[in-house]
């Protein structure tokens, strides 16, 4: 499965600003509803920017990565 659409023939990316999840739902249902609406939680848009989320196996969290960039 291609997580990152590369052309217009694949389904369009969802803008995260259009996703609305009922906060009164239980945690599992909120997560399922978010995934249902966003379609691909690893690739979506936000204010016109394409966001590609990925994770590495080295265990360094995003916060530490950003702090490393800012030094």
Protein backbone atom coordinates (compact mmCIF):
# COMPACT_ATOMS: atom_id res chain seq x y z
CA UNK A 1 0.00 0.00 0.00
CA UNK A 2 1.34 3.41 -0.94
CA UNK A 3 0.96 5.67 2.11
CA UNK A 4 1.95 8.77 0.16
CA UNK A 5 -0.17 9.53 -2.91
CA UNK A 6 2.07 10.79 -5.69
CA UNK A 7 -0.37 11.68 -8.42
CA UNK A 8 -3.87 13.01 -9.00
CA UNK A 9 -5.32 9.59 -9.85
CA UNK A 10 -5.04 8.45 -6.24
CA UNK A 11 -7.65 9.64 -3.76
CA UNK A 12 -7.21 13.28 -2.73
CA UNK A 13 -5.68 14.09 0.63
CA UNK A 14 -7.96 15.24 3.44
CA UNK A 15 -7.36 18.65 5.04
CA UNK A 16 -7.06 18.06 8.77
CA UNK A 17 -9.04 21.26 9.46
CA UNK A 18 -12.14 19.48 8.14
CA UNK A 19 -11.86 16.65 10.65
CA UNK A 20 -14.18 16.97 13.64
CA UNK A 21 -14.40 14.25 16.28
CA UNK A 22 -16.99 14.16 19.05
CA UNK A 23 -14.98 14.49 22.27
CA UNK A 24 -17.72 12.77 24.28
CA UNK A 25 -17.02 9.45 22.52
CA UNK A 26 -14.87 6.84 24.27
CA UNK A 27 -11.16 6.97 23.36
CA UNK A 28 -11.29 3.97 21.00
CA UNK A 29 -14.28 5.40 19.12
CA UNK A 30 -12.64 8.85 18.84
CA UNK A 31 -9.56 7.25 17.32
CA UNK A 32 -11.64 5.18 14.89
CA UNK A 33 -13.64 8.26 13.87
CA UNK A 34 -10.47 10.29 13.32
CA UNK A 35 -9.00 7.59 11.08
CA UNK A 36 -12.30 7.23 9.21
CA UNK A 37 -12.37 10.96 8.44
CA UNK A 38 -8.66 11.60 7.76
CA UNK A 39 -8.44 8.46 5.55
CA UNK A 40 -4.64 8.31 5.82
CA UNK A 41 -3.20 9.50 9.17
CA UNK A 42 0.30 9.39 7.65
CA UNK A 43 -0.44 11.76 4.77
CA UNK A 44 -2.87 14.68 4.82
CA UNK A 45 -2.94 18.42 4.23
CA UNK A 46 -2.94 21.33 6.67
CA UNK A 47 -3.47 24.90 5.44
CA UNK A 48 -2.32 23.97 1.93
CA UNK A 49 0.78 22.07 3.07
CA UNK A 50 1.13 18.33 2.59
CA UNK A 51 2.07 16.54 5.81
CA UNK A 52 3.89 13.18 5.66
CA UNK A 53 4.19 11.53 9.08
CA UNK A 54 6.77 8.80 9.51
CA UNK A 55 8.58 7.15 12.38
CA UNK A 56 12.09 5.79 12.81
CA UNK A 57 13.21 2.75 14.72
CA UNK A 58 15.83 4.65 16.77
CA UNK A 59 13.28 5.72 19.38
CA UNK A 60 14.02 9.46 19.26
CA UNK A 61 10.76 11.37 19.70
CA UNK A 62 9.70 14.34 17.59
CA UNK A 63 10.23 16.77 20.47
CA UNK A 64 13.91 15.75 20.76
CA UNK A 65 14.36 15.96 16.99
CA UNK A 66 12.99 19.50 16.93
CA UNK A 67 15.16 20.51 19.89
CA UNK A 68 18.18 19.15 18.00
CA UNK A 69 17.32 21.27 14.97
CA UNK A 70 16.92 24.40 17.11
CA UNK A 71 20.37 24.10 18.76
